[in-house]
N, C-alpha and C. Protein backbone atom coordinates (compact mmCIF):
# COMPACT_ATOMS: atom_id res chain seq x y z
N UNK A 1 48.47 -74.02 48.73
CA UNK A 1 49.80 -74.17 49.35
C UNK A 1 50.72 -73.04 48.85
N UNK A 2 51.40 -72.36 49.74
CA UNK A 2 52.28 -71.30 49.30
C UNK A 2 53.49 -71.82 48.54
N UNK A 3 54.05 -70.98 47.69
CA UNK A 3 55.22 -71.31 46.93
C UNK A 3 56.44 -71.46 47.80
N UNK A 4 57.09 -72.59 47.75
CA UNK A 4 58.26 -72.87 48.61
C UNK A 4 59.53 -72.37 47.97
N UNK A 5 60.31 -71.54 48.69
CA UNK A 5 61.58 -71.01 48.16
C UNK A 5 62.75 -71.75 48.78
N UNK A 6 62.53 -72.90 49.36
CA UNK A 6 63.64 -73.67 49.99
C UNK A 6 63.79 -74.99 49.31
N UNK A 7 64.86 -75.69 49.64
CA UNK A 7 65.10 -77.02 49.13
C UNK A 7 65.77 -77.88 50.18
N UNK A 8 65.80 -79.19 49.98
CA UNK A 8 66.42 -80.12 50.94
C UNK A 8 67.95 -80.09 50.84
N UNK A 9 68.48 -79.49 49.79
CA UNK A 9 69.93 -79.42 49.62
C UNK A 9 70.31 -77.97 49.30
N UNK A 10 71.60 -77.71 49.20
CA UNK A 10 72.04 -76.37 48.93
C UNK A 10 73.29 -76.39 48.07
N UNK A 11 73.83 -75.26 47.75
CA UNK A 11 75.10 -75.24 47.02
C UNK A 11 76.22 -75.57 48.00
N UNK A 12 77.12 -76.43 47.56
CA UNK A 12 78.26 -76.84 48.41
C UNK A 12 79.47 -75.93 48.22
N UNK A 13 79.64 -75.41 47.00
CA UNK A 13 80.82 -74.58 46.71
C UNK A 13 80.43 -73.54 45.65
N UNK A 14 81.28 -72.55 45.52
CA UNK A 14 81.07 -71.51 44.54
C UNK A 14 81.10 -72.12 43.14
N UNK A 15 80.34 -71.54 42.21
CA UNK A 15 80.33 -72.03 40.85
C UNK A 15 81.65 -71.80 40.18
N UNK A 16 82.12 -72.77 39.45
CA UNK A 16 83.34 -72.68 38.68
C UNK A 16 82.90 -72.42 37.22
N UNK A 17 82.89 -71.16 36.82
CA UNK A 17 82.43 -70.82 35.47
C UNK A 17 83.35 -71.40 34.37
N UNK A 18 84.59 -71.69 34.75
CA UNK A 18 85.50 -72.27 33.80
C UNK A 18 85.31 -73.76 33.60
N UNK A 19 84.61 -74.42 34.52
CA UNK A 19 84.40 -75.84 34.39
C UNK A 19 83.03 -76.20 35.03
N UNK A 20 81.98 -75.76 34.40
CA UNK A 20 80.63 -75.95 34.96
C UNK A 20 80.25 -77.42 35.17
N UNK A 21 80.54 -78.27 34.21
CA UNK A 21 80.11 -79.63 34.35
C UNK A 21 80.78 -80.36 35.52
N UNK A 22 82.08 -80.12 35.76
CA UNK A 22 82.75 -80.76 36.92
C UNK A 22 82.15 -80.17 38.22
N UNK A 23 81.95 -78.87 38.25
CA UNK A 23 81.34 -78.27 39.45
C UNK A 23 79.98 -78.86 39.70
N UNK A 24 79.16 -78.96 38.64
CA UNK A 24 77.83 -79.50 38.78
C UNK A 24 77.84 -80.96 39.26
N UNK A 25 78.74 -81.76 38.71
CA UNK A 25 78.87 -83.15 39.07
C UNK A 25 79.17 -83.29 40.54
N UNK A 26 80.06 -82.44 41.09
CA UNK A 26 80.38 -82.50 42.52
C UNK A 26 79.18 -82.09 43.35
N UNK A 27 78.37 -81.17 42.86
CA UNK A 27 77.16 -80.75 43.60
C UNK A 27 76.13 -81.88 43.69
N UNK A 28 76.02 -82.71 42.66
CA UNK A 28 74.99 -83.73 42.62
C UNK A 28 75.19 -84.87 43.60
N UNK A 29 76.33 -84.91 44.28
CA UNK A 29 76.53 -85.94 45.31
C UNK A 29 75.49 -85.85 46.43
N UNK A 30 74.83 -84.69 46.50
CA UNK A 30 73.79 -84.49 47.52
C UNK A 30 72.54 -85.32 47.22
N UNK A 31 72.39 -85.75 46.00
CA UNK A 31 71.20 -86.57 45.63
C UNK A 31 71.52 -87.99 46.01
N UNK A 32 70.87 -88.48 47.01
CA UNK A 32 71.25 -89.79 47.60
C UNK A 32 70.74 -90.94 46.78
N UNK A 33 69.62 -90.77 46.04
CA UNK A 33 69.11 -91.85 45.24
C UNK A 33 69.87 -91.88 43.91
N UNK A 34 70.60 -92.97 43.67
CA UNK A 34 71.49 -92.99 42.53
C UNK A 34 70.79 -92.75 41.20
N UNK A 35 69.58 -93.29 41.03
CA UNK A 35 68.88 -93.10 39.73
C UNK A 35 68.53 -91.60 39.55
N UNK A 36 68.09 -90.94 40.63
CA UNK A 36 67.79 -89.51 40.52
C UNK A 36 69.08 -88.71 40.19
N UNK A 37 70.17 -89.08 40.85
CA UNK A 37 71.43 -88.39 40.59
C UNK A 37 71.87 -88.57 39.12
N UNK A 38 71.71 -89.80 38.61
CA UNK A 38 72.04 -90.05 37.23
C UNK A 38 71.21 -89.18 36.28
N UNK A 39 69.90 -89.08 36.52
CA UNK A 39 69.03 -88.29 35.67
C UNK A 39 69.46 -86.82 35.73
N UNK A 40 69.71 -86.33 36.91
CA UNK A 40 70.15 -84.91 37.06
C UNK A 40 71.45 -84.66 36.31
N UNK A 41 72.37 -85.57 36.37
CA UNK A 41 73.66 -85.43 35.66
C UNK A 41 73.45 -85.52 34.14
N UNK A 42 72.67 -86.47 33.73
CA UNK A 42 72.46 -86.64 32.27
C UNK A 42 71.74 -85.46 31.70
N UNK A 43 70.63 -85.00 32.30
CA UNK A 43 69.88 -83.85 31.80
C UNK A 43 70.75 -82.61 31.73
N UNK A 44 71.60 -82.37 32.73
CA UNK A 44 72.49 -81.23 32.71
C UNK A 44 73.43 -81.29 31.54
N UNK A 45 74.02 -82.43 31.31
CA UNK A 45 74.99 -82.57 30.19
C UNK A 45 74.28 -82.41 28.86
N UNK A 46 73.09 -82.94 28.71
CA UNK A 46 72.36 -82.82 27.46
C UNK A 46 71.76 -81.42 27.25
N UNK A 47 71.42 -80.72 28.39
CA UNK A 47 70.83 -79.37 28.26
C UNK A 47 71.83 -78.42 27.59
N UNK A 48 73.11 -78.69 27.70
CA UNK A 48 74.09 -77.80 27.08
C UNK A 48 73.98 -77.81 25.55
N UNK A 49 73.35 -78.84 24.95
CA UNK A 49 73.23 -78.94 23.52
C UNK A 49 71.87 -78.56 22.99
N UNK A 50 70.99 -78.08 23.86
CA UNK A 50 69.65 -77.72 23.45
C UNK A 50 69.54 -76.19 23.32
N UNK A 51 69.00 -75.68 22.23
CA UNK A 51 68.88 -74.24 22.09
C UNK A 51 67.64 -73.77 22.87
N UNK A 52 67.66 -72.51 23.27
CA UNK A 52 66.53 -71.95 23.97
C UNK A 52 65.33 -71.82 23.05
N UNK A 53 64.12 -71.98 23.61
CA UNK A 53 62.91 -71.94 22.77
C UNK A 53 61.76 -71.34 23.55
N UNK A 54 60.56 -71.31 22.93
CA UNK A 54 59.40 -70.72 23.59
C UNK A 54 58.45 -71.77 24.13
N UNK A 55 57.65 -71.35 25.15
CA UNK A 55 56.70 -72.26 25.76
C UNK A 55 55.32 -71.57 25.91
N UNK A 56 54.27 -72.35 26.21
CA UNK A 56 52.93 -71.79 26.18
C UNK A 56 52.49 -71.15 27.54
N UNK A 57 53.25 -70.23 28.06
CA UNK A 57 52.76 -69.60 29.27
C UNK A 57 52.90 -68.07 29.20
N UNK A 58 52.11 -67.49 28.39
CA UNK A 58 51.89 -66.04 28.33
C UNK A 58 53.14 -65.21 28.08
N UNK A 59 53.35 -64.23 28.95
CA UNK A 59 54.43 -63.26 28.73
C UNK A 59 55.83 -63.88 28.59
N UNK A 60 56.11 -64.93 29.32
CA UNK A 60 57.44 -65.55 29.20
C UNK A 60 57.62 -66.13 27.79
N UNK A 61 56.60 -66.80 27.31
CA UNK A 61 56.65 -67.35 25.96
C UNK A 61 56.73 -66.25 24.91
N UNK A 62 55.92 -65.23 25.06
CA UNK A 62 55.92 -64.16 24.09
C UNK A 62 57.31 -63.47 24.04
N UNK A 63 57.91 -63.22 25.19
CA UNK A 63 59.21 -62.56 25.18
C UNK A 63 60.25 -63.47 24.55
N UNK A 64 60.16 -64.75 24.79
CA UNK A 64 61.11 -65.67 24.24
C UNK A 64 60.97 -65.75 22.71
N UNK A 65 59.74 -65.84 22.21
CA UNK A 65 59.49 -65.88 20.77
C UNK A 65 59.95 -64.59 20.14
N UNK A 66 59.64 -63.48 20.77
CA UNK A 66 60.03 -62.15 20.26
C UNK A 66 61.55 -62.05 20.13
N UNK A 67 62.25 -62.72 21.01
CA UNK A 67 63.72 -62.71 20.94
C UNK A 67 64.30 -63.71 19.94
N UNK A 68 63.35 -64.46 19.28
CA UNK A 68 63.82 -65.40 18.23
C UNK A 68 63.86 -66.84 18.69
N UNK A 69 63.38 -67.15 19.86
CA UNK A 69 63.41 -68.56 20.34
C UNK A 69 62.48 -69.45 19.53
N UNK A 70 62.87 -70.67 19.34
CA UNK A 70 62.07 -71.67 18.63
C UNK A 70 61.96 -72.93 19.50
N UNK A 71 60.75 -73.43 19.74
CA UNK A 71 60.61 -74.57 20.64
C UNK A 71 61.04 -75.89 19.98
N UNK A 72 61.73 -76.74 20.74
CA UNK A 72 62.06 -78.06 20.23
C UNK A 72 60.77 -78.90 20.18
N UNK A 73 60.75 -79.85 19.30
CA UNK A 73 59.56 -80.69 19.16
C UNK A 73 59.53 -81.75 20.24
N UNK A 74 58.34 -82.06 20.73
CA UNK A 74 58.12 -83.14 21.69
C UNK A 74 57.89 -84.40 20.93
N UNK A 75 58.36 -85.53 21.43
CA UNK A 75 58.19 -86.81 20.73
C UNK A 75 56.87 -87.50 21.14
N UNK A 76 56.66 -87.58 22.44
CA UNK A 76 55.50 -88.35 22.92
C UNK A 76 54.35 -87.51 23.40
N UNK A 77 54.31 -86.24 23.06
CA UNK A 77 53.27 -85.33 23.59
C UNK A 77 53.02 -84.20 22.60
N UNK A 78 51.81 -83.72 22.62
CA UNK A 78 51.51 -82.52 21.77
C UNK A 78 51.68 -81.23 22.56
N UNK A 79 51.97 -81.35 23.86
CA UNK A 79 52.19 -80.16 24.71
C UNK A 79 53.50 -79.54 24.40
N UNK A 80 53.56 -78.22 24.48
CA UNK A 80 54.83 -77.53 24.37
C UNK A 80 55.66 -77.70 25.59
N UNK A 81 56.94 -77.47 25.50
CA UNK A 81 57.79 -77.50 26.67
C UNK A 81 57.49 -76.31 27.55
N UNK A 82 57.75 -76.44 28.84
CA UNK A 82 57.43 -75.38 29.78
C UNK A 82 58.43 -74.25 29.73
N UNK A 83 57.92 -73.03 29.76
CA UNK A 83 58.82 -71.83 29.91
C UNK A 83 59.16 -71.73 31.39
N UNK A 84 60.40 -71.51 31.72
CA UNK A 84 60.86 -71.47 33.10
C UNK A 84 61.74 -70.23 33.31
N UNK A 85 61.40 -69.45 34.31
CA UNK A 85 62.25 -68.33 34.68
C UNK A 85 63.43 -68.86 35.47
N UNK A 86 64.63 -68.56 35.01
CA UNK A 86 65.85 -69.00 35.68
C UNK A 86 65.94 -68.46 37.09
N UNK A 87 65.57 -67.18 37.26
CA UNK A 87 65.59 -66.55 38.56
C UNK A 87 64.17 -66.50 39.08
N UNK A 88 63.84 -67.53 39.86
CA UNK A 88 62.47 -67.73 40.36
C UNK A 88 62.31 -67.33 41.83
N UNK A 89 63.33 -66.69 42.39
CA UNK A 89 63.26 -66.34 43.82
C UNK A 89 63.75 -67.46 44.71
N UNK A 90 63.98 -68.62 44.10
CA UNK A 90 64.47 -69.77 44.87
C UNK A 90 65.98 -69.85 44.82
N UNK A 91 66.50 -70.44 45.81
CA UNK A 91 67.93 -70.83 45.89
C UNK A 91 68.94 -69.64 45.81
N UNK A 92 68.96 -68.84 46.85
CA UNK A 92 69.98 -67.76 46.88
C UNK A 92 71.39 -68.38 46.76
N UNK A 93 72.27 -67.58 46.20
CA UNK A 93 73.67 -68.01 46.03
C UNK A 93 74.37 -68.02 47.39
N UNK A 94 75.49 -68.71 47.45
CA UNK A 94 76.24 -68.87 48.69
C UNK A 94 76.48 -67.49 49.34
N UNK A 95 76.17 -67.37 50.61
CA UNK A 95 76.41 -66.16 51.36
C UNK A 95 75.42 -65.02 51.10
N UNK A 96 74.38 -65.28 50.36
CA UNK A 96 73.36 -64.28 50.06
C UNK A 96 72.00 -64.69 50.61
N UNK A 97 71.25 -63.75 51.19
CA UNK A 97 69.94 -64.11 51.77
C UNK A 97 68.82 -64.30 50.78
N UNK A 98 68.91 -63.62 49.61
CA UNK A 98 67.84 -63.72 48.64
C UNK A 98 68.43 -63.76 47.21
N UNK A 99 67.59 -64.06 46.27
CA UNK A 99 67.99 -64.01 44.82
C UNK A 99 66.83 -63.36 44.06
N UNK A 100 67.14 -62.95 42.84
CA UNK A 100 66.16 -62.30 41.99
C UNK A 100 64.91 -63.17 41.79
N UNK A 101 63.75 -62.56 41.86
CA UNK A 101 62.49 -63.23 41.62
C UNK A 101 61.88 -62.56 40.39
N UNK A 102 62.14 -63.08 39.21
CA UNK A 102 61.78 -62.43 37.96
C UNK A 102 60.27 -62.14 37.84
N UNK A 103 59.46 -63.04 38.34
CA UNK A 103 58.03 -62.86 38.23
C UNK A 103 57.54 -61.61 38.98
N UNK A 104 58.27 -61.27 40.05
CA UNK A 104 57.88 -60.08 40.82
C UNK A 104 58.56 -58.81 40.40
N UNK A 105 59.51 -58.89 39.44
CA UNK A 105 60.23 -57.70 39.00
C UNK A 105 59.99 -57.46 37.51
N UNK A 106 59.28 -56.39 37.20
CA UNK A 106 58.81 -56.14 35.84
C UNK A 106 59.92 -56.18 34.81
N UNK A 107 61.10 -55.61 35.05
CA UNK A 107 62.17 -55.61 34.04
C UNK A 107 62.83 -56.95 33.90
N UNK A 108 62.51 -57.91 34.70
CA UNK A 108 63.06 -59.26 34.61
C UNK A 108 62.02 -60.28 34.17
N UNK A 109 60.75 -59.94 34.34
CA UNK A 109 59.66 -60.85 34.08
C UNK A 109 59.65 -61.32 32.65
N UNK A 110 59.82 -60.45 31.72
CA UNK A 110 59.81 -60.85 30.27
C UNK A 110 61.25 -60.77 29.68
N UNK A 111 62.23 -60.88 30.52
CA UNK A 111 63.62 -60.86 30.07
C UNK A 111 63.98 -62.18 29.44
N UNK A 112 64.08 -62.21 28.11
CA UNK A 112 64.29 -63.48 27.42
C UNK A 112 65.58 -64.14 27.78
N UNK A 113 66.60 -63.38 28.24
CA UNK A 113 67.86 -64.03 28.63
C UNK A 113 67.69 -64.81 29.90
N UNK A 114 66.61 -64.58 30.62
CA UNK A 114 66.36 -65.28 31.88
C UNK A 114 65.24 -66.30 31.81
N UNK A 115 64.77 -66.58 30.58
CA UNK A 115 63.72 -67.57 30.38
C UNK A 115 64.26 -68.69 29.49
N UNK A 116 64.01 -69.90 29.90
CA UNK A 116 64.39 -71.05 29.08
C UNK A 116 63.13 -71.89 28.79
N UNK A 117 63.24 -72.80 27.87
CA UNK A 117 62.24 -73.81 27.74
C UNK A 117 62.96 -75.11 28.06
N UNK A 118 62.28 -75.95 28.75
CA UNK A 118 62.92 -77.17 29.20
C UNK A 118 61.92 -78.34 29.16
N UNK A 119 62.46 -79.52 28.91
CA UNK A 119 61.67 -80.74 29.01
C UNK A 119 61.10 -80.77 30.42
N UNK A 120 59.91 -81.38 30.62
CA UNK A 120 59.36 -81.42 31.97
C UNK A 120 60.30 -81.95 33.05
N UNK A 121 61.18 -82.90 32.71
CA UNK A 121 62.14 -83.41 33.68
C UNK A 121 63.11 -82.30 34.09
N UNK A 122 63.64 -81.58 33.11
CA UNK A 122 64.57 -80.52 33.43
C UNK A 122 63.88 -79.37 34.19
N UNK A 123 62.60 -79.10 33.84
CA UNK A 123 61.81 -78.12 34.57
C UNK A 123 61.70 -78.52 36.05
N UNK A 124 61.45 -79.79 36.29
CA UNK A 124 61.33 -80.25 37.70
C UNK A 124 62.67 -80.15 38.40
N UNK A 125 63.77 -80.45 37.69
CA UNK A 125 65.10 -80.36 38.31
C UNK A 125 65.39 -78.90 38.72
N UNK A 126 64.95 -77.93 37.93
CA UNK A 126 65.14 -76.51 38.23
C UNK A 126 64.45 -76.13 39.54
N UNK A 127 63.34 -76.78 39.80
CA UNK A 127 62.54 -76.47 40.96
C UNK A 127 63.00 -77.26 42.21
N UNK A 128 63.71 -78.33 42.01
CA UNK A 128 64.10 -79.23 43.08
C UNK A 128 65.51 -79.07 43.56
N UNK A 129 66.45 -78.85 42.70
CA UNK A 129 67.86 -78.85 43.03
C UNK A 129 68.53 -77.49 42.74
N UNK A 130 69.03 -76.81 43.76
CA UNK A 130 69.65 -75.49 43.55
C UNK A 130 70.83 -75.54 42.60
N UNK A 131 71.59 -76.63 42.58
CA UNK A 131 72.76 -76.70 41.71
C UNK A 131 72.35 -76.82 40.27
N UNK A 132 71.20 -77.41 39.95
CA UNK A 132 70.72 -77.45 38.56
C UNK A 132 70.28 -76.03 38.11
N UNK A 133 69.52 -75.39 38.98
CA UNK A 133 69.11 -74.00 38.68
C UNK A 133 70.33 -73.13 38.48
N UNK A 134 71.37 -73.25 39.35
CA UNK A 134 72.53 -72.39 39.18
C UNK A 134 73.39 -72.78 37.97
N UNK A 135 73.36 -74.02 37.55
CA UNK A 135 74.03 -74.39 36.32
C UNK A 135 73.42 -73.59 35.15
N UNK A 136 72.08 -73.58 35.09
CA UNK A 136 71.42 -72.88 34.00
C UNK A 136 71.63 -71.36 34.11
N UNK A 137 71.64 -70.85 35.34
CA UNK A 137 71.89 -69.40 35.53
C UNK A 137 73.32 -69.04 35.09
N UNK A 138 74.28 -69.92 35.36
CA UNK A 138 75.68 -69.67 34.94
C UNK A 138 75.78 -69.70 33.44
N UNK A 139 75.06 -70.63 32.78
CA UNK A 139 75.09 -70.69 31.33
C UNK A 139 74.46 -69.45 30.73
N UNK A 140 73.38 -68.92 31.30
CA UNK A 140 72.79 -67.67 30.83
C UNK A 140 73.76 -66.52 30.98
N UNK A 141 74.49 -66.53 32.05
CA UNK A 141 75.49 -65.48 32.27
C UNK A 141 76.57 -65.55 31.19
N UNK A 142 77.07 -66.78 30.95
CA UNK A 142 78.15 -66.92 30.00
C UNK A 142 77.69 -66.54 28.58
N UNK A 143 76.46 -66.85 28.24
CA UNK A 143 75.98 -66.60 26.87
C UNK A 143 75.55 -65.15 26.69
N UNK A 144 74.80 -64.61 27.67
CA UNK A 144 74.17 -63.30 27.50
C UNK A 144 74.70 -62.21 28.44
N UNK A 145 75.43 -62.59 29.50
CA UNK A 145 75.82 -61.61 30.51
C UNK A 145 74.73 -61.30 31.48
N UNK A 146 73.65 -62.10 31.44
CA UNK A 146 72.52 -61.89 32.36
C UNK A 146 72.79 -62.64 33.67
N UNK A 147 72.74 -61.92 34.80
CA UNK A 147 73.09 -62.58 36.04
C UNK A 147 72.58 -61.87 37.24
N UNK A 148 72.70 -62.59 38.34
CA UNK A 148 72.34 -62.06 39.65
C UNK A 148 73.52 -62.04 40.59
N UNK A 149 74.59 -62.70 40.26
CA UNK A 149 75.74 -62.76 41.21
C UNK A 149 77.15 -62.77 40.57
N UNK A 150 77.26 -63.01 39.29
CA UNK A 150 78.57 -63.27 38.72
C UNK A 150 79.38 -62.01 38.43
N UNK A 151 78.72 -60.87 38.34
CA UNK A 151 79.45 -59.62 38.08
C UNK A 151 79.14 -58.65 39.18
N UNK A 152 80.06 -57.73 39.37
CA UNK A 152 79.90 -56.71 40.44
C UNK A 152 78.98 -55.60 40.01
N UNK A 153 78.87 -55.29 38.75
CA UNK A 153 78.02 -54.21 38.27
C UNK A 153 77.05 -54.75 37.22
N UNK A 154 75.76 -54.47 37.49
CA UNK A 154 74.71 -54.90 36.56
C UNK A 154 73.82 -53.67 36.28
N UNK A 155 73.21 -53.66 35.10
CA UNK A 155 72.28 -52.60 34.82
C UNK A 155 70.89 -52.99 35.39
N UNK A 156 69.92 -52.12 35.23
CA UNK A 156 68.62 -52.35 35.84
C UNK A 156 67.86 -53.53 35.21
N UNK A 157 68.39 -54.04 34.10
CA UNK A 157 67.74 -55.19 33.44
C UNK A 157 68.43 -56.50 33.75
N UNK A 158 69.46 -56.47 34.62
CA UNK A 158 70.10 -57.70 35.04
C UNK A 158 71.33 -58.10 34.22
N UNK A 159 71.79 -57.22 33.34
CA UNK A 159 72.94 -57.53 32.51
C UNK A 159 74.24 -56.99 33.09
N UNK A 160 75.29 -57.70 32.92
CA UNK A 160 76.61 -57.26 33.38
C UNK A 160 76.91 -55.93 32.68
N UNK A 161 77.49 -55.00 33.43
CA UNK A 161 77.87 -53.71 32.87
C UNK A 161 78.74 -53.92 31.62
N UNK A 162 78.46 -53.24 30.56
CA UNK A 162 79.19 -53.36 29.31
C UNK A 162 78.62 -54.36 28.32
N UNK A 163 77.71 -55.25 28.78
CA UNK A 163 77.03 -56.19 27.88
C UNK A 163 75.79 -55.50 27.32
N UNK A 164 75.55 -55.67 26.06
CA UNK A 164 74.41 -55.00 25.45
C UNK A 164 73.15 -55.81 25.57
N UNK A 165 72.02 -55.11 25.64
CA UNK A 165 70.73 -55.74 25.59
C UNK A 165 69.80 -54.80 24.87
N UNK A 166 68.78 -55.33 24.25
CA UNK A 166 67.80 -54.52 23.53
C UNK A 166 66.56 -54.43 24.41
N UNK A 167 66.16 -53.19 24.69
CA UNK A 167 65.00 -52.95 25.54
C UNK A 167 63.82 -52.54 24.66
N UNK A 168 62.72 -53.27 24.77
CA UNK A 168 61.52 -52.95 23.98
C UNK A 168 60.49 -52.21 24.85
N UNK A 169 60.47 -52.53 26.12
CA UNK A 169 59.54 -51.84 27.03
C UNK A 169 60.17 -51.82 28.42
N UNK A 170 60.28 -50.65 28.99
CA UNK A 170 60.87 -50.47 30.33
C UNK A 170 59.74 -50.27 31.29
N UNK A 171 59.77 -51.04 32.37
CA UNK A 171 58.76 -50.91 33.42
C UNK A 171 59.20 -49.80 34.37
N UNK A 172 58.33 -48.84 34.63
CA UNK A 172 58.73 -47.75 35.54
C UNK A 172 59.02 -48.25 36.93
N UNK A 173 60.02 -47.62 37.57
CA UNK A 173 60.34 -48.00 38.96
C UNK A 173 59.20 -47.69 39.89
N UNK A 174 58.93 -48.59 40.84
CA UNK A 174 57.88 -48.37 41.82
C UNK A 174 58.43 -48.30 43.21
N UNK A 175 59.73 -48.28 43.36
CA UNK A 175 60.33 -48.26 44.67
C UNK A 175 60.77 -49.64 45.19
N UNK A 176 60.35 -50.68 44.48
CA UNK A 176 60.79 -52.04 44.87
C UNK A 176 62.18 -52.31 44.41
N UNK A 177 62.98 -52.99 45.23
CA UNK A 177 64.36 -53.31 44.88
C UNK A 177 64.39 -54.40 43.83
N UNK A 178 65.36 -54.36 42.94
CA UNK A 178 65.48 -55.37 41.87
C UNK A 178 66.84 -55.93 41.90
């Protein structure tokens, strides 16, 4: 089955970087099942208190560990938390036809500012609800300056102009847009 880049819901309004949790709460009204909506709201609120860490999926985990990430411990499982690219090609921002697909773009693929580790529930929310994915993308922007839409000028690594980043390996341009 091909990878789906669509969802049953969309962003209702522009992200309010000054008040992410209120913006996010308004977006979750799209989840019609109350228990699902509650989980999405709770996980988002709790995710703000979890530090970024590494997961067991190759280059994403390696880049995260290299950047100093430490995985949180699982309680009921010996499996590591999943590494998740924030910019997965899914859920373009309001008024935009596409969004960054880190797996397809070398300079973003191992970009630790764009990789999180998440509990399997949060990982599923990232894949299901655009507003959850955009909440995490907004948090990455606020913390690291890494973004796809929040600033007018970005460098080739996805960082807002003027924000510093450390480059360990630069992928040569192949003509593909990033």
